[in-house]
N, C-alpha and C. Protein backbone atom coordinates (compact mmCIF):
# COMPACT_ATOMS: atom_id res chain seq x y z
N MET A 1 22.39 120.97 55.72
CA MET A 1 23.71 120.44 56.02
C MET A 1 24.40 119.76 55.92
N ASP A 2 26.24 120.85 55.12
CA ASP A 2 26.65 119.48 53.98
C ASP A 2 27.28 118.62 54.51
N GLU A 3 27.84 118.03 54.01
CA GLU A 3 28.36 116.27 54.24
C GLU A 3 29.43 116.56 55.42
N LYS A 4 29.78 117.34 55.25
CA LYS A 4 31.42 117.59 56.27
C LYS A 4 30.95 118.48 57.63
N HIS A 5 30.00 119.66 57.49
CA HIS A 5 29.27 119.50 58.89
C HIS A 5 28.79 118.61 59.63
N ALA A 6 27.77 117.34 58.66
CA ALA A 6 27.66 115.76 59.56
C ALA A 6 27.69 115.41 59.81
N LYS A 7 29.20 115.24 58.47
CA LYS A 7 30.56 114.24 60.27
C LYS A 7 30.62 115.05 61.28
N TYR A 8 31.24 116.06 61.15
CA TYR A 8 31.40 117.27 62.53
C TYR A 8 30.22 116.61 63.62
N THR A 9 29.58 117.41 63.68
CA THR A 9 27.61 117.04 63.78
C THR A 9 27.85 115.40 65.00
N ARG A 10 27.77 114.29 63.78
CA ARG A 10 27.52 112.85 63.73
C ARG A 10 28.90 112.29 65.12
N ARG A 11 30.37 113.15 65.07
CA ARG A 11 31.34 112.95 65.62
C ARG A 11 31.50 113.42 67.32
N LEU A 12 30.56 114.84 66.90
CA LEU A 12 30.58 115.00 69.02
C LEU A 12 28.92 114.38 69.11
N LEU A 13 27.85 113.83 68.65
CA LEU A 13 26.81 113.36 68.96
C LEU A 13 26.89 111.80 69.71
N THR A 14 28.56 111.53 68.95
CA THR A 14 28.73 110.01 68.81
C THR A 14 29.81 110.17 70.82
N MET A 15 30.45 111.17 70.99
CA MET A 15 31.17 111.75 72.10
C MET A 15 30.18 111.45 73.17
N ARG A 16 29.31 112.48 73.29
CA ARG A 16 27.71 112.66 74.41
C ARG A 16 27.29 111.66 74.58
N THR A 17 26.99 110.56 73.83
CA THR A 17 25.73 109.35 73.40
C THR A 17 26.81 108.30 74.34
N LEU A 18 28.61 108.45 74.28
CA LEU A 18 29.43 107.02 74.94
C LEU A 18 29.46 107.52 76.28
N LEU A 19 29.51 109.20 76.67
CA LEU A 19 29.98 109.58 77.76
C LEU A 19 28.70 109.48 78.71
N ASP A 20 26.99 109.76 78.48
CA ASP A 20 26.12 109.53 78.40
C ASP A 20 25.40 108.06 78.98
N ARG A 21 26.45 106.98 78.32
CA ARG A 21 25.35 105.65 77.98
C ARG A 21 24.44 105.46 77.62
N ARG A 22 24.06 105.84 76.27
CA ARG A 22 23.26 106.16 75.58
C ARG A 22 23.47 105.32 74.70
N ALA A 23 23.55 103.96 74.49
CA ALA A 23 23.50 103.49 73.71
C ALA A 23 22.92 102.53 72.20
N ASP A 24 21.66 103.34 72.56
CA ASP A 24 20.53 103.28 71.49
C ASP A 24 21.14 104.46 70.06
N VAL A 25 21.55 104.88 71.02
CA VAL A 25 22.05 106.61 69.75
C VAL A 25 23.30 106.06 69.71
N LEU A 26 24.55 105.64 70.05
CA LEU A 26 25.33 105.33 69.69
C LEU A 26 24.98 104.40 69.03
N GLN A 27 24.52 103.06 68.95
CA GLN A 27 24.71 102.45 68.04
C GLN A 27 24.15 102.64 66.56
N PHE A 28 23.07 103.62 66.69
CA PHE A 28 22.87 104.12 65.46
C PHE A 28 24.00 105.26 64.90
N CYS A 29 24.57 106.53 65.78
CA CYS A 29 25.82 107.34 65.46
C CYS A 29 27.61 106.23 64.95
N LEU A 30 27.13 104.84 65.50
CA LEU A 30 28.72 104.34 64.81
C LEU A 30 27.64 104.32 63.64
N GLY A 31 26.91 103.25 63.59
CA GLY A 31 26.22 102.68 62.21
C GLY A 31 26.79 103.66 61.68
N ARG A 32 26.26 105.11 60.90
CA ARG A 32 26.30 105.85 60.23
C ARG A 32 27.62 106.10 59.64
N GLY A 33 28.97 106.03 60.84
CA GLY A 33 29.95 106.11 60.87
C GLY A 33 30.98 107.52 60.29
N GLY A 34 31.28 107.50 59.21
CA GLY A 34 32.37 108.37 58.42
C GLY A 34 33.18 109.76 59.27
N PHE A 35 33.46 109.42 60.34
CA PHE A 35 33.75 110.10 60.83
C PHE A 35 35.39 109.82 61.22
N GLU A 36 36.42 110.32 61.83
CA GLU A 36 37.83 110.04 62.72
C GLU A 36 37.08 109.68 64.51
N TYR A 37 38.00 108.97 64.52
CA TYR A 37 37.74 108.58 66.65
C TYR A 37 39.44 109.08 67.36
N ASP A 38 39.20 110.02 67.18
CA ASP A 38 39.54 110.58 68.00
C ASP A 38 40.20 109.81 69.32
N ASP A 39 41.57 110.68 69.87
CA ASP A 39 41.93 110.05 71.46
C ASP A 39 41.48 109.45 72.54
N LYS A 40 41.00 110.80 72.81
CA LYS A 40 39.40 111.10 73.52
C LYS A 40 37.96 109.54 73.40
N PHE A 41 37.93 109.92 72.68
CA PHE A 41 36.85 109.08 71.64
C PHE A 41 37.19 107.72 72.47
N ARG A 42 38.59 107.35 71.88
CA ARG A 42 39.66 105.66 71.89
C ARG A 42 39.52 105.29 73.73
N GLU A 43 40.20 106.56 74.07
CA GLU A 43 39.66 106.33 75.70
C GLU A 43 38.80 106.12 76.69
N GLU A 44 37.81 106.80 75.85
CA GLU A 44 36.75 106.41 76.51
C GLU A 44 35.84 105.14 76.47
N SER A 45 36.10 104.36 75.26
CA SER A 45 35.56 103.59 75.18
C SER A 45 36.02 102.02 75.70
N PHE A 46 37.20 102.67 75.90
CA PHE A 46 38.02 101.57 76.59
C PHE A 46 37.67 101.12 78.07
N SER A 47 36.79 102.27 78.41
CA SER A 47 36.46 102.75 80.24
C SER A 47 35.66 101.78 80.31
N VAL A 48 34.93 101.77 79.73
CA VAL A 48 33.58 101.36 79.19
C VAL A 48 32.43 100.75 80.39
N ASP A 49 31.73 100.53 81.46
CA ASP A 49 31.46 99.06 82.01
C ASP A 49 29.77 99.49 82.15
N ASP A 50 29.22 100.03 81.06
CA ASP A 50 27.70 99.50 80.87
C ASP A 50 27.49 98.29 80.50
N PRO A 51 26.89 97.53 80.13
CA PRO A 51 26.44 96.68 79.75
C PRO A 51 26.09 96.59 77.90
N GLU A 52 25.16 97.70 78.00
CA GLU A 52 24.45 97.93 76.70
C GLU A 52 25.43 98.74 76.12
N THR A 53 25.62 99.36 76.01
CA THR A 53 26.84 100.56 75.93
C THR A 53 28.85 100.13 74.98
N PHE A 54 28.99 98.75 76.40
CA PHE A 54 29.68 97.93 75.62
C PHE A 54 29.62 96.87 74.53
N ALA A 55 28.60 96.40 74.67
CA ALA A 55 27.72 95.59 73.48
C ALA A 55 28.41 96.41 72.56
N VAL A 56 27.41 97.31 72.32
CA VAL A 56 27.28 98.16 71.07
C VAL A 56 29.00 98.45 70.42
N LEU A 57 29.94 98.81 71.77
CA LEU A 57 31.32 99.50 70.88
C LEU A 57 32.14 97.69 70.80
N GLU A 58 31.22 96.90 71.26
CA GLU A 58 32.04 95.36 70.50
C GLU A 58 31.83 94.68 69.33
N GLU A 59 30.36 95.11 69.15
CA GLU A 59 30.25 95.48 67.98
C GLU A 59 30.77 95.77 66.88
N SER A 60 30.92 97.29 67.21
CA SER A 60 31.19 98.15 65.95
C SER A 60 32.38 98.38 65.20
N GLU A 61 32.05 99.27 64.15
CA GLU A 61 34.11 99.34 63.25
C GLU A 61 34.95 99.46 63.99
N LEU A 62 34.38 100.35 65.46
CA LEU A 62 35.36 101.33 66.21
C LEU A 62 36.01 99.46 66.85
N ARG A 63 36.25 98.72 67.09
CA ARG A 63 36.18 97.16 67.80
C ARG A 63 37.67 96.85 66.92
N ARG A 64 36.61 96.76 65.65
CA ARG A 64 37.60 96.17 64.90
C ARG A 64 38.72 97.15 63.96
N LEU A 65 39.19 98.48 63.98
CA LEU A 65 40.10 99.24 63.85
C LEU A 65 40.88 99.88 65.74
N HIS A 66 39.99 99.47 66.54
CA HIS A 66 41.17 99.83 67.56
C HIS A 66 40.46 99.37 68.47
N PRO A 67 41.08 97.61 68.22
CA PRO A 67 40.87 96.68 69.65
C PRO A 67 41.33 96.54 70.86
N ARG A 68 40.44 96.05 71.69
CA ARG A 68 40.39 96.99 72.94
C ARG A 68 41.76 95.50 73.79
N ASN A 69 42.51 96.60 74.13
CA ASN A 69 43.81 96.58 74.19
C ASN A 69 43.91 95.30 75.81
N GLN A 70 44.73 93.77 75.98
CA GLN A 70 44.07 93.15 77.54
C GLN A 70 45.98 93.70 77.90
N PRO A 71 45.35 93.16 79.02
CA PRO A 71 46.65 93.22 80.31
C PRO A 71 47.43 92.49 79.67
N PRO A 72 49.03 92.87 80.37
CA PRO A 72 49.52 91.26 79.79
C PRO A 72 49.84 90.35 80.65
N TRP A 73 49.06 90.28 81.74
CA TRP A 73 48.74 88.94 82.10
C TRP A 73 47.95 88.15 82.06
N VAL A 74 47.32 88.87 80.70
CA VAL A 74 46.46 88.24 80.59
C VAL A 74 46.74 86.04 79.67
N ALA A 75 47.93 87.11 79.30
CA ALA A 75 48.17 85.77 77.95
C ALA A 75 48.49 85.07 78.72
N PHE A 76 48.90 84.79 80.05
CA PHE A 76 49.75 83.62 81.09
C PHE A 76 48.59 83.18 82.31
N ASP A 77 46.96 83.52 81.58
CA ASP A 77 46.20 82.64 82.35
C ASP A 77 45.72 81.68 81.58
N VAL A 78 44.58 81.12 82.73
CA VAL A 78 44.07 79.99 81.96
C VAL A 78 43.88 79.85 80.89
N GLY A 79 43.53 79.63 79.73
CA GLY A 79 43.07 80.07 78.46
C GLY A 79 44.10 80.51 77.55
N GLY A 80 44.54 81.41 78.23
CA GLY A 80 45.21 82.24 77.21
C GLY A 80 46.56 81.64 76.45
N ALA A 81 47.31 82.79 75.52
CA ALA A 81 48.16 82.31 74.28
C ALA A 81 49.13 81.33 75.00
N LEU A 82 49.52 82.15 76.65
CA LEU A 82 50.86 81.36 77.03
C LEU A 82 50.73 80.49 78.37
N PRO A 83 49.30 79.81 78.91
CA PRO A 83 49.08 79.90 80.62
C PRO A 83 50.60 79.18 80.77
N VAL A 84 50.66 79.59 82.29
CA VAL A 84 51.12 78.40 83.27
C VAL A 84 50.24 78.33 84.30
N ASP A 85 51.36 76.78 84.72
CA ASP A 85 50.70 75.62 85.33
C ASP A 85 51.26 75.89 86.81
N TRP A 86 50.32 76.57 87.55
CA TRP A 86 51.62 76.50 89.17
C TRP A 86 51.55 75.66 89.61
């Protein structure tokens, strides 16, 4: 299989493992990289609630390129950038 097809196959496998919450295979695919993270993949990665999959995503290059957006009120919570003393 040439590199063009290998990248496409890894991208499809990465999306499938993210949907199935297979942290071990996801870590392998993200470690190999070499493909673009499409909008659907990024959207799904932000909604992960499985602790193992969440940990793999947070340690990956994906989070360095596309950090998790925090809700606006986090800045005003205790420990936030703009804490409010009620």
